[in-house]
Protein backbone atom coordinates (compact mmCIF):
# COMPACT_ATOMS: atom_id res chain seq x y z
CA UNK A 1 0.00 0.00 0.00
CA UNK A 2 2.87 2.36 0.77
CA UNK A 3 4.27 1.97 -2.76
CA UNK A 4 0.90 2.81 -4.32
CA UNK A 5 0.59 6.05 -2.32
CA UNK A 6 4.12 7.00 -3.34
CA UNK A 7 3.23 6.29 -6.97
CA UNK A 8 0.08 8.44 -6.81
CA UNK A 9 1.99 11.41 -5.35
CA UNK A 10 4.80 11.15 -7.92
CA UNK A 11 4.39 13.85 -10.61
CA UNK A 12 7.76 13.67 -12.37
CA UNK A 13 6.26 12.85 -15.80
CA UNK A 14 3.52 15.49 -15.70
CA UNK A 15 5.57 18.16 -17.49
CA UNK A 16 6.46 15.82 -20.35
CA UNK A 17 2.80 14.89 -20.78
CA UNK A 18 1.79 18.56 -20.80
CA UNK A 19 4.40 19.37 -23.45
CA UNK A 20 3.20 16.41 -25.51
CA UNK A 21 -0.38 17.65 -25.35
CA UNK A 22 0.70 21.17 -26.36
CA UNK A 23 2.70 19.77 -29.31
CA UNK A 24 -0.31 17.71 -30.41
CA UNK A 25 -2.56 20.77 -30.22
CA UNK A 26 -0.12 22.83 -32.30
CA UNK A 27 0.06 20.02 -34.88
CA UNK A 28 -3.73 19.82 -35.15
CA UNK A 29 -3.97 23.60 -35.51
CA UNK A 30 -1.34 23.49 -38.27
CA UNK A 31 -3.17 20.78 -40.19
CA UNK A 32 -6.44 22.70 -39.94
CA UNK A 33 -4.81 25.97 -41.07
CA UNK A 34 -2.98 24.40 -44.02
CA UNK A 35 -6.09 22.52 -45.10
CA UNK A 36 -8.17 25.69 -44.97
CA UNK A 37 -5.70 27.70 -47.06
CA UNK A 38 -4.86 24.89 -49.50
CA UNK A 39 -7.45 25.74 -52.13
CA UNK A 40 -6.62 29.44 -52.20
CA UNK A 41 -2.90 28.69 -52.55
CA UNK A 42 -3.60 26.24 -55.39
CA UNK A 43 -5.77 28.84 -57.13
CA UNK A 44 -3.06 31.48 -56.78
CA UNK A 45 -0.36 29.23 -58.26
CA UNK A 46 -2.70 28.18 -61.07
CA UNK A 47 -3.36 31.83 -61.95
CA UNK A 48 0.35 32.67 -61.90
CA UNK A 49 1.15 29.68 -64.11
CA UNK A 50 -1.61 30.64 -66.53
CA UNK A 51 -0.24 34.20 -66.74
CA UNK A 52 3.30 32.97 -67.45
CA UNK A 53 2.09 30.49 -70.07
CA UNK A 54 -0.03 33.12 -71.79
CA UNK A 55 2.87 35.60 -71.72
CA UNK A 56 5.07 33.25 -73.75
CA UNK A 57 2.29 32.47 -76.24
CA UNK A 58 0.96 29.20 -74.88
CA UNK A 59 -2.38 27.87 -73.69
CA UNK A 60 -2.57 26.66 -70.09
CA UNK A 61 -4.57 23.60 -69.08
CA UNK A 62 -4.31 22.16 -65.55
CA UNK A 63 -3.12 18.53 -65.55
CA UNK A 64 -2.70 16.04 -62.69
CA UNK A 65 1.09 15.78 -63.03
CA UNK A 66 1.80 19.31 -64.21
CA UNK A 67 3.50 18.02 -67.34
CA UNK A 68 2.35 19.50 -70.65
CA UNK A 69 0.23 22.12 -68.88
CA UNK A 70 1.46 24.87 -71.17
CA UNK A 71 0.93 23.97 -74.83
CA UNK A 72 2.22 26.09 -77.69
C-alpha atoms as a PDB file:
ATOM      1  CA  UNK A   1       0.000   0.000   0.000  1.00  0.00           C
ATOM      2  CA  UNK A   2       2.873   2.359   0.770  1.00  0.00           C
ATOM      3  CA  UNK A   3       4.272   1.967  -2.764  1.00  0.00           C
ATOM      4  CA  UNK A   4       0.901   2.811  -4.318  1.00  0.00           C
ATOM      5  CA  UNK A   5       0.594   6.048  -2.320  1.00  0.00           C
ATOM      6  CA  UNK A   6       4.123   6.998  -3.345  1.00  0.00           C
ATOM      7  CA  UNK A   7       3.231   6.289  -6.974  1.00  0.00           C
ATOM      8  CA  UNK A   8       0.082   8.441  -6.810  1.00  0.00           C
ATOM      9  CA  UNK A   9       1.985  11.410  -5.347  1.00  0.00           C
ATOM     10  CA  UNK A  10       4.802  11.148  -7.917  1.00  0.00           C
ATOM     11  CA  UNK A  11       4.393  13.846 -10.608  1.00  0.00           C
ATOM     12  CA  UNK A  12       7.761  13.665 -12.369  1.00  0.00           C
ATOM     13  CA  UNK A  13       6.257  12.852 -15.795  1.00  0.00           C
ATOM     14  CA  UNK A  14       3.524  15.491 -15.697  1.00  0.00           C
ATOM     15  CA  UNK A  15       5.566  18.158 -17.486  1.00  0.00           C
ATOM     16  CA  UNK A  16       6.458  15.823 -20.350  1.00  0.00           C
ATOM     17  CA  UNK A  17       2.799  14.886 -20.781  1.00  0.00           C
ATOM     18  CA  UNK A  18       1.794  18.559 -20.800  1.00  0.00           C
ATOM     19  CA  UNK A  19       4.402  19.369 -23.454  1.00  0.00           C
ATOM     20  CA  UNK A  20       3.202  16.411 -25.506  1.00  0.00           C
ATOM     21  CA  UNK A  21      -0.379  17.651 -25.345  1.00  0.00           C
ATOM     22  CA  UNK A  22       0.703  21.166 -26.359  1.00  0.00           C
ATOM     23  CA  UNK A  23       2.698  19.770 -29.308  1.00  0.00           C
ATOM     24  CA  UNK A  24      -0.309  17.707 -30.409  1.00  0.00           C
ATOM     25  CA  UNK A  25      -2.564  20.768 -30.218  1.00  0.00           C
ATOM     26  CA  UNK A  26      -0.117  22.826 -32.296  1.00  0.00           C
ATOM     27  CA  UNK A  27       0.064  20.025 -34.877  1.00  0.00           C
ATOM     28  CA  UNK A  28      -3.730  19.816 -35.153  1.00  0.00           C
ATOM     29  CA  UNK A  29      -3.969  23.605 -35.512  1.00  0.00           C
ATOM     30  CA  UNK A  30      -1.340  23.491 -38.272  1.00  0.00           C
ATOM     31  CA  UNK A  31      -3.169  20.783 -40.189  1.00  0.00           C
ATOM     32  CA  UNK A  32      -6.442  22.704 -39.944  1.00  0.00           C
ATOM     33  CA  UNK A  33      -4.806  25.965 -41.066  1.00  0.00           C
ATOM     34  CA  UNK A  34      -2.979  24.395 -44.022  1.00  0.00           C
ATOM     35  CA  UNK A  35      -6.085  22.522 -45.105  1.00  0.00           C
ATOM     36  CA  UNK A  36      -8.171  25.691 -44.967  1.00  0.00           C
ATOM     37  CA  UNK A  37      -5.702  27.695 -47.064  1.00  0.00           C
ATOM     38  CA  UNK A  38      -4.856  24.887 -49.504  1.00  0.00           C
ATOM     39  CA  UNK A  39      -7.454  25.741 -52.132  1.00  0.00           C
ATOM     40  CA  UNK A  40      -6.619  29.444 -52.201  1.00  0.00           C
ATOM     41  CA  UNK A  41      -2.900  28.695 -52.551  1.00  0.00           C
ATOM     42  CA  UNK A  42      -3.600  26.243 -55.391  1.00  0.00           C
ATOM     43  CA  UNK A  43      -5.774  28.836 -57.128  1.00  0.00           C
ATOM     44  CA  UNK A  44      -3.056  31.481 -56.782  1.00  0.00           C
ATOM     45  CA  UNK A  45      -0.361  29.228 -58.257  1.00  0.00           C
ATOM     46  CA  UNK A  46      -2.699  28.176 -61.071  1.00  0.00           C
ATOM     47  CA  UNK A  47      -3.364  31.828 -61.951  1.00  0.00           C
ATOM     48  CA  UNK A  48       0.350  32.666 -61.901  1.00  0.00           C
ATOM     49  CA  UNK A  49       1.148  29.676 -64.108  1.00  0.00           C
ATOM     50  CA  UNK A  50      -1.606  30.644 -66.533  1.00  0.00           C
ATOM     51  CA  UNK A  51      -0.239  34.196 -66.740  1.00  0.00           C
ATOM     52  CA  UNK A  52       3.300  32.971 -67.452  1.00  0.00           C
ATOM     53  CA  UNK A  53       2.088  30.492 -70.065  1.00  0.00           C
ATOM     54  CA  UNK A  54      -0.030  33.121 -71.795  1.00  0.00           C
ATOM     55  CA  UNK A  55       2.872  35.599 -71.717  1.00  0.00           C
ATOM     56  CA  UNK A  56       5.067  33.248 -73.751  1.00  0.00           C
ATOM     57  CA  UNK A  57       2.290  32.467 -76.242  1.00  0.00           C
ATOM     58  CA  UNK A  58       0.959  29.203 -74.878  1.00  0.00           C
ATOM     59  CA  UNK A  59      -2.378  27.873 -73.691  1.00  0.00           C
ATOM     60  CA  UNK A  60      -2.573  26.664 -70.093  1.00  0.00           C
ATOM     61  CA  UNK A  61      -4.567  23.595 -69.083  1.00  0.00           C
ATOM     62  CA  UNK A  62      -4.308  22.160 -65.552  1.00  0.00           C
ATOM     63  CA  UNK A  63      -3.115  18.528 -65.552  1.00  0.00           C
ATOM     64  CA  UNK A  64      -2.698  16.042 -62.693  1.00  0.00           C
ATOM     65  CA  UNK A  65       1.091  15.777 -63.030  1.00  0.00           C
ATOM     66  CA  UNK A  66       1.802  19.314 -64.210  1.00  0.00           C
ATOM     67  CA  UNK A  67       3.501  18.024 -67.335  1.00  0.00           C
ATOM     68  CA  UNK A  68       2.350  19.502 -70.650  1.00  0.00           C
ATOM     69  CA  UNK A  69       0.229  22.120 -68.875  1.00  0.00           C
ATOM     70  CA  UNK A  70       1.460  24.868 -71.169  1.00  0.00           C
ATOM     71  CA  UNK A  71       0.927  23.969 -74.831  1.00  0.00           C
ATOM     72  CA  UNK A  72       2.223  26.089 -77.687  1.00  0.00           C
END
